[in-house]
Amino acid sequence: MIRVLLIFIIPLVLPAGVYVLWRALVPPKYGGSRAIARDEWEPLPWSWLASAGGILMVITIFIMIAYPEFFDF
């Protein structure tokens, strides 16, 4: 189960999670969301987030194939 988490779940969820936390917690002066500061809904760039997650998953699978000794649990 930990292997599935490391290989598939984390690379797909990490970009969206980091982006949402960054936009929600950082003040607008440093790139945070002005809409969240006003308690309004802001649409997320799902295409960019999905692309980043897909790229991270491809890198993880490549490393898993190229260096299988890293994933011997």
PDB file of N, CA and C in Angstrom:
ATOM      1  N   MET A   1       0.819  -1.196   0.000  1.00  0.00           N
ATOM      2  CA  MET A   1       0.000   0.000   0.000  1.00  0.00           C
ATOM      3  C   MET A   1       0.867   1.266   0.000  1.00  0.00           C
ATOM      4  N   ILE A   2       1.965   1.222   0.737  1.00  0.00           N
ATOM      5  CA  ILE A   2       2.852   2.379   0.762  1.00  0.00           C
ATOM      6  C   ILE A   2       3.457   2.624  -0.618  1.00  0.00           C
ATOM      7  N   ARG A   3       3.677   1.566  -1.376  1.00  0.00           N
ATOM      8  CA  ARG A   3       4.221   1.701  -2.722  1.00  0.00           C
ATOM      9  C   ARG A   3       3.230   2.428  -3.629  1.00  0.00           C
ATOM     10  N   VAL A   4       1.966   2.073  -3.550  1.00  0.00           N
ATOM     11  CA  VAL A   4       0.937   2.749  -4.352  1.00  0.00           C
ATOM     12  C   VAL A   4       0.847   4.213  -3.953  1.00  0.00           C
ATOM     13  N   LEU A   5       0.930   4.486  -2.671  1.00  0.00           N
ATOM     14  CA  LEU A   5       0.882   5.865  -2.194  1.00  0.00           C
ATOM     15  C   LEU A   5       2.055   6.674  -2.738  1.00  0.00           C
ATOM     16  N   LEU A   6       3.258   6.120  -2.659  1.00  0.00           N
ATOM     17  CA  LEU A   6       4.446   6.846  -3.111  1.00  0.00           C
ATOM     18  C   LEU A   6       4.505   7.009  -4.622  1.00  0.00           C
ATOM     19  N   ILE A   7       4.030   6.013  -5.354  1.00  0.00           N
ATOM     20  CA  ILE A   7       4.186   6.036  -6.808  1.00  0.00           C
ATOM     21  C   ILE A   7       3.057   6.793  -7.506  1.00  0.00           C
ATOM     22  N   PHE A   8       1.831   6.659  -7.038  1.00  0.00           N
ATOM     23  CA  PHE A   8       0.707   7.218  -7.780  1.00  0.00           C
ATOM     24  C   PHE A   8      -0.020   8.355  -7.059  1.00  0.00           C
ATOM     25  N   ILE A   9      -0.343   8.184  -5.809  1.00  0.00           N
ATOM     26  CA  ILE A   9      -1.198   9.147  -5.114  1.00  0.00           C
ATOM     27  C   ILE A   9      -0.466  10.460  -4.837  1.00  0.00           C
ATOM     28  N   ILE A  10       0.696  10.397  -4.224  1.00  0.00           N
ATOM     29  CA  ILE A  10       1.421  11.619  -3.869  1.00  0.00           C
ATOM     30  C   ILE A  10       1.789  12.456  -5.098  1.00  0.00           C
ATOM     31  N   PRO A  11       2.337  11.874  -6.192  1.00  0.00           N
ATOM     32  CA  PRO A  11       2.655  12.721  -7.350  1.00  0.00           C
ATOM     33  C   PRO A  11       1.421  13.384  -7.979  1.00  0.00           C
ATOM     34  N   LEU A  12       0.260  12.759  -7.870  1.00  0.00           N
ATOM     35  CA  LEU A  12      -0.931  13.376  -8.451  1.00  0.00           C
ATOM     36  C   LEU A  12      -1.552  14.434  -7.542  1.00  0.00           C
ATOM     37  N   VAL A  13      -1.488  14.242  -6.242  1.00  0.00           N
ATOM     38  CA  VAL A  13      -2.155  15.143  -5.306  1.00  0.00           C
ATOM     39  C   VAL A  13      -1.246  16.290  -4.858  1.00  0.00           C
ATOM     40  N   LEU A  14       0.051  16.077  -4.835  1.00  0.00           N
ATOM     41  CA  LEU A  14       0.984  17.069  -4.318  1.00  0.00           C
ATOM     42  C   LEU A  14       0.900  18.428  -5.030  1.00  0.00           C
ATOM     43  N   PRO A  15       0.891  18.514  -6.362  1.00  0.00           N
ATOM     44  CA  PRO A  15       0.828  19.846  -6.995  1.00  0.00           C
ATOM     45  C   PRO A  15      -0.436  20.618  -6.624  1.00  0.00           C
ATOM     46  N   ALA A  16      -1.577  19.948  -6.622  1.00  0.00           N
ATOM     47  CA  ALA A  16      -2.823  20.632  -6.276  1.00  0.00           C
ATOM     48  C   ALA A  16      -2.812  21.061  -4.815  1.00  0.00           C
ATOM     49  N   GLY A  17      -2.329  20.192  -3.935  1.00  0.00           N
ATOM     50  CA  GLY A  17      -2.289  20.532  -2.517  1.00  0.00           C
ATOM     51  C   GLY A  17      -1.384  21.711  -2.218  1.00  0.00           C
ATOM     52  N   VAL A  18      -0.194  21.704  -2.802  1.00  0.00           N
ATOM     53  CA  VAL A  18       0.744  22.809  -2.585  1.00  0.00           C
ATOM     54  C   VAL A  18       0.174  24.105  -3.147  1.00  0.00           C
ATOM     55  N   TYR A  19      -0.429  24.042  -4.320  1.00  0.00           N
ATOM     56  CA  TYR A  19      -0.998  25.247  -4.935  1.00  0.00           C
ATOM     57  C   TYR A  19      -2.125  25.819  -4.083  1.00  0.00           C
ATOM     58  N   VAL A  20      -3.025  24.962  -3.631  1.00  0.00           N
ATOM     59  CA  VAL A  20      -4.156  25.435  -2.825  1.00  0.00           C
ATOM     60  C   VAL A  20      -3.660  26.033  -1.512  1.00  0.00           C
ATOM     61  N   LEU A  21      -2.724  25.362  -0.855  1.00  0.00           N
ATOM     62  CA  LEU A  21      -2.183  25.913   0.394  1.00  0.00           C
ATOM     63  C   LEU A  21      -1.467  27.240   0.164  1.00  0.00           C
ATOM     64  N   TRP A  22      -0.694  27.320  -0.911  1.00  0.00           N
ATOM     65  CA  TRP A  22       0.018  28.561  -1.213  1.00  0.00           C
ATOM     66  C   TRP A  22      -0.960  29.712  -1.459  1.00  0.00           C
ATOM     67  N   ARG A  23      -1.974  29.457  -2.266  1.00  0.00           N
ATOM     68  CA  ARG A  23      -2.936  30.516  -2.579  1.00  0.00           C
ATOM     69  C   ARG A  23      -3.774  30.898  -1.363  1.00  0.00           C
ATOM     70  N   ALA A  24      -4.027  29.936  -0.470  1.00  0.00           N
ATOM     71  CA  ALA A  24      -4.886  30.212   0.681  1.00  0.00           C
ATOM     72  C   ALA A  24      -4.125  30.861   1.842  1.00  0.00           C
ATOM     73  N   LEU A  25      -2.863  30.521   2.032  1.00  0.00           N
ATOM     74  CA  LEU A  25      -2.154  30.964   3.222  1.00  0.00           C
ATOM     75  C   LEU A  25      -1.242  32.172   3.013  1.00  0.00           C
ATOM     76  N   VAL A  26      -0.795  32.401   1.789  1.00  0.00           N
ATOM     77  CA  VAL A  26       0.128  33.500   1.522  1.00  0.00           C
ATOM     78  C   VAL A  26      -0.674  34.783   1.318  1.00  0.00           C
ATOM     79  N   PRO A  27      -0.226  35.907   1.887  1.00  0.00           N
ATOM     80  CA  PRO A  27      -0.945  37.161   1.670  1.00  0.00           C
ATOM     81  C   PRO A  27      -0.908  37.587   0.201  1.00  0.00           C
ATOM     82  N   PRO A  28      -1.907  38.348  -0.242  1.00  0.00           N
ATOM     83  CA  PRO A  28      -1.939  38.787  -1.648  1.00  0.00           C
ATOM     84  C   PRO A  28      -0.675  39.542  -2.080  1.00  0.00           C
ATOM     85  N   LYS A  29      -0.014  40.204  -1.152  1.00  0.00           N
ATOM     86  CA  LYS A  29       1.207  40.941  -1.468  1.00  0.00           C
ATOM     87  C   LYS A  29       2.293  40.023  -2.029  1.00  0.00           C
ATOM     88  N   TYR A  30       2.305  38.750  -1.593  1.00  0.00           N
ATOM     89  CA  TYR A  30       3.327  37.792  -2.026  1.00  0.00           C
ATOM     90  C   TYR A  30       2.789  36.747  -2.993  1.00  0.00           C
ATOM     91  N   GLY A  31       1.683  36.999  -3.649  1.00  0.00           N
ATOM     92  CA  GLY A  31       1.155  36.083  -4.645  1.00  0.00           C
ATOM     93  C   GLY A  31      -0.046  35.278  -4.186  1.00  0.00           C
ATOM     94  N   GLY A  32      -0.549  35.564  -3.013  1.00  0.00           N
ATOM     95  CA  GLY A  32      -1.743  34.874  -2.536  1.00  0.00           C
ATOM     96  C   GLY A  32      -2.980  35.379  -3.259  1.00  0.00           C
ATOM     97  N   SER A  33      -4.081  34.767  -2.969  1.00  0.00           N
ATOM     98  CA  SER A  33      -5.316  35.082  -3.665  1.00  0.00           C
ATOM     99  C   SER A  33      -6.031  36.270  -3.032  1.00  0.00           C
ATOM    100  N   ARG A  34      -6.394  37.231  -3.849  1.00  0.00           N
ATOM    101  CA  ARG A  34      -7.211  38.345  -3.362  1.00  0.00           C
ATOM    102  C   ARG A  34      -8.653  37.891  -3.121  1.00  0.00           C
ATOM    103  N   ALA A  35      -9.123  36.925  -3.912  1.00  0.00           N
ATOM    104  CA  ALA A  35     -10.486  36.421  -3.744  1.00  0.00           C
ATOM    105  C   ALA A  35     -10.617  35.680  -2.419  1.00  0.00           C
ATOM    106  N   ILE A  36      -9.633  34.884  -2.052  1.00  0.00           N
ATOM    107  CA  ILE A  36      -9.686  34.166  -0.782  1.00  0.00           C
ATOM    108  C   ILE A  36      -9.598  35.146   0.382  1.00  0.00           C
ATOM    109  N   ALA A  37      -8.830  36.205   0.215  1.00  0.00           N
ATOM    110  CA  ALA A  37      -8.751  37.221   1.264  1.00  0.00           C
ATOM    111  C   ALA A  37     -10.112  37.884   1.485  1.00  0.00           C
ATOM    112  N   ARG A  38     -10.947  37.930   0.443  1.00  0.00           N
ATOM    113  CA  ARG A  38     -12.296  38.498   0.561  1.00  0.00           C
ATOM    114  C   ARG A  38     -13.341  37.428   0.812  1.00  0.00           C
ATOM    115  N   ASP A  39     -12.944  36.194   1.099  1.00  0.00           N
ATOM    116  CA  ASP A  39     -13.846  35.054   1.332  1.00  0.00           C
ATOM    117  C   ASP A  39     -14.737  34.772   0.127  1.00  0.00           C
ATOM    118  N   GLU A  40     -14.147  34.805  -1.064  1.00  0.00           N
ATOM    119  CA  GLU A  40     -14.854  34.468  -2.294  1.00  0.00           C
ATOM    120  C   GLU A  40     -14.221  33.218  -2.905  1.00  0.00           C
ATOM    121  N   TRP A  41     -14.956  32.573  -3.818  1.00  0.00           N
ATOM    122  CA  TRP A  41     -14.453  31.388  -4.498  1.00  0.00           C
ATOM    123  C   TRP A  41     -13.572  31.799  -5.663  1.00  0.00           C
ATOM    124  N   GLU A  42     -12.476  31.069  -5.859  1.00  0.00           N
ATOM    125  CA  GLU A  42     -11.577  31.328  -6.970  1.00  0.00           C
ATOM    126  C   GLU A  42     -11.378  30.035  -7.757  1.00  0.00           C
ATOM    127  N   PRO A  43     -11.573  30.048  -9.081  1.00  0.00           N
ATOM    128  CA  PRO A  43     -11.359  28.820  -9.860  1.00  0.00           C
ATOM    129  C   PRO A  43      -9.874  28.457  -9.894  1.00  0.00           C
ATOM    130  N   LEU A  44      -9.615  27.155  -9.889  1.00  0.00           N
ATOM    131  CA  LEU A  44      -8.238  26.667  -9.927  1.00  0.00           C
ATOM    132  C   LEU A  44      -7.842  26.299 -11.358  1.00  0.00           C
ATOM    133  N   PRO A  45      -6.568  26.405 -11.694  1.00  0.00           N
ATOM    134  CA  PRO A  45      -6.094  26.017 -13.029  1.00  0.00           C
ATOM    135  C   PRO A  45      -5.896  24.505 -13.115  1.00  0.00           C
ATOM    136  N   TRP A  46      -6.995  23.775 -13.263  1.00  0.00           N
ATOM    137  CA  TRP A  46      -6.944  22.313 -13.209  1.00  0.00           C
ATOM    138  C   TRP A  46      -6.066  21.713 -14.293  1.00  0.00           C
ATOM    139  N   SER A  47      -6.000  22.308 -15.467  1.00  0.00           N
ATOM    140  CA  SER A  47      -5.157  21.741 -16.527  1.00  0.00           C
ATOM    141  C   SER A  47      -3.677  21.793 -16.133  1.00  0.00           C
ATOM    142  N   TRP A  48      -3.241  22.895 -15.537  1.00  0.00           N
ATOM    143  CA  TRP A  48      -1.850  22.997 -15.097  1.00  0.00           C
ATOM    144  C   TRP A  48      -1.570  22.045 -13.940  1.00  0.00           C
ATOM    145  N   LEU A  49      -2.504  21.939 -13.010  1.00  0.00           N
ATOM    146  CA  LEU A  49      -2.302  21.050 -11.866  1.00  0.00           C
ATOM    147  C   LEU A  49      -2.271  19.585 -12.296  1.00  0.00           C
ATOM    148  N   ALA A  50      -3.152  19.204 -13.218  1.00  0.00           N
ATOM    149  CA  ALA A  50      -3.162  17.823 -13.708  1.00  0.00           C
ATOM    150  C   ALA A  50      -1.893  17.523 -14.511  1.00  0.00           C
ATOM    151  N   SER A  51      -1.438  18.494 -15.289  1.00  0.00           N
ATOM    152  CA  SER A  51      -0.198  18.305 -16.053  1.00  0.00           C
ATOM    153  C   SER A  51       1.003  18.127 -15.121  1.00  0.00           C
ATOM    154  N   ALA A  52       1.088  18.948 -14.085  1.00  0.00           N
ATOM    155  CA  ALA A  52       2.196  18.826 -13.132  1.00  0.00           C
ATOM    156  C   ALA A  52       2.146  17.477 -12.423  1.00  0.00           C
ATOM    157  N   GLY A  53       0.954  17.032 -12.027  1.00  0.00           N
ATOM    158  CA  GLY A  53       0.822  15.719 -11.391  1.00  0.00           C
ATOM    159  C   GLY A  53       1.199  14.592 -12.330  1.00  0.00           C
ATOM    160  N   GLY A  54       0.792  14.697 -13.593  1.00  0.00           N
ATOM    161  CA  GLY A  54       1.145  13.678 -14.575  1.00  0.00           C
ATOM    162  C   GLY A  54       2.644  13.614 -14.818  1.00  0.00           C
ATOM    163  N   ILE A  55       3.286  14.773 -14.893  1.00  0.00           N
ATOM    164  CA  ILE A  55       4.736  14.806 -15.097  1.00  0.00           C
ATOM    165  C   ILE A  55       5.456  14.194 -13.899  1.00  0.00           C
ATOM    166  N   LEU A  56       5.011  14.511 -12.693  1.00  0.00           N
ATOM    167  CA  LEU A  56       5.621  13.910 -11.500  1.00  0.00           C
ATOM    168  C   LEU A  56       5.425  12.400 -11.477  1.00  0.00           C
ATOM    169  N   MET A  57       4.254  11.934 -11.928  1.00  0.00           N
ATOM    170  CA  MET A  57       4.012  10.494 -11.952  1.00  0.00           C
ATOM    171  C   MET A  57       4.894   9.811 -12.988  1.00  0.00           C
ATOM    172  N   VAL A  58       5.098  10.423 -14.157  1.00  0.00           N
ATOM    173  CA  VAL A  58       5.977   9.857 -15.181  1.00  0.00           C
ATOM    174  C   VAL A  58       7.413   9.788 -14.666  1.00  0.00           C
ATOM    175  N   ILE A  59       7.865  10.849 -13.987  1.00  0.00           N
ATOM    176  CA  ILE A  59       9.221  10.839 -13.418  1.00  0.00           C
ATOM    177  C   ILE A  59       9.347   9.728 -12.385  1.00  0.00           C
ATOM    178  N   THR A  60       8.326   9.568 -11.544  1.00  0.00           N
ATOM    179  CA  THR A  60       8.361   8.522 -10.522  1.00  0.00           C
ATOM    180  C   THR A  60       8.399   7.137 -11.148  1.00  0.00           C
ATOM    181  N   ILE A  61       7.593   6.901 -12.185  1.00  0.00           N
ATOM    182  CA  ILE A  61       7.586   5.593 -12.846  1.00  0.00           C
ATOM    183  C   ILE A  61       8.917   5.344 -13.548  1.00  0.00           C
ATOM    184  N   PHE A  62       9.491   6.377 -14.169  1.00  0.00           N
ATOM    185  CA  PHE A  62      10.801   6.230 -14.803  1.00  0.00           C
ATOM    186  C   PHE A  62      11.862   5.840 -13.770  1.00  0.00           C
ATOM    187  N   ILE A  63      11.866   6.520 -12.628  1.00  0.00           N
ATOM    188  CA  ILE A  63      12.827   6.185 -11.577  1.00  0.00           C
ATOM    189  C   ILE A  63      12.581   4.776 -11.060  1.00  0.00           C
ATOM    190  N   MET A  64      11.307   4.383 -10.956  1.00  0.00           N
ATOM    191  CA  MET A  64      10.981   3.044 -10.481  1.00  0.00           C
ATOM    192  C   MET A  64      11.515   1.981 -11.444  1.00  0.00           C
ATOM    193  N   ILE A  65      11.447   2.238 -12.745  1.00  0.00           N
ATOM    194  CA  ILE A  65      11.934   1.280 -13.740  1.00  0.00           C
ATOM    195  C   ILE A  65      13.461   1.318 -13.824  1.00  0.00           C
ATOM    196  N   ALA A  66      14.037   2.504 -13.806  1.00  0.00           N
ATOM    197  CA  ALA A  66      15.484   2.643 -13.955  1.00  0.00           C
ATOM    198  C   ALA A  66      16.251   2.189 -12.715  1.00  0.00           C
ATOM    199  N   TYR A  67      15.676   2.418 -11.543  1.00  0.00           N
ATOM    200  CA  TYR A  67      16.366   2.097 -10.293  1.00  0.00           C
ATOM    201  C   TYR A  67      15.422   1.283  -9.383  1.00  0.00           C
ATOM    202  N   PRO A  68      15.193   0.023  -9.708  1.00  0.00           N
ATOM    203  CA  PRO A  68      14.237  -0.772  -8.920  1.00  0.00           C
ATOM    204  C   PRO A  68      14.686  -1.031  -7.486  1.00  0.00           C
ATOM    205  N   GLU A  69      15.977  -0.889  -7.204  1.00  0.00           N
ATOM    206  CA  GLU A  69      16.438  -1.142  -5.845  1.00  0.00           C
ATOM    207  C   GLU A  69      15.920  -0.093  -4.858  1.00  0.00           C
ATOM    208  N   PHE A  70      15.516   1.085  -5.335  1.00  0.00           N
ATOM    209  CA  PHE A  70      14.949   2.097  -4.454  1.00  0.00           C
ATOM    210  C   PHE A  70      13.593   1.682  -3.893  1.00  0.00           C
ATOM    211  N   PHE A  71      12.909   0.816  -4.615  1.00  0.00           N
ATOM    212  CA  PHE A  71      11.539   0.450  -4.247  1.00  0.00           C
ATOM    213  C   PHE A  71      11.425  -0.958  -3.684  1.00  0.00           C
ATOM    214  N   ASP A  72      12.524  -1.536  -3.242  1.00  0.00           N
ATOM    215  CA  ASP A  72      12.480  -2.848  -2.591  1.00  0.00           C
ATOM    216  C   ASP A  72      12.159  -2.643  -1.124  1.00  0.00           C
ATOM    217  N   PHE A  73      10.911  -2.904  -0.768  1.00  0.00           N
ATOM    218  CA  PHE A  73      10.483  -2.713   0.620  1.00  0.00           C
ATOM    219  C   PHE A  73      10.585  -4.012   1.377  1.00  0.00           C
TER     220      PHE A  73
END
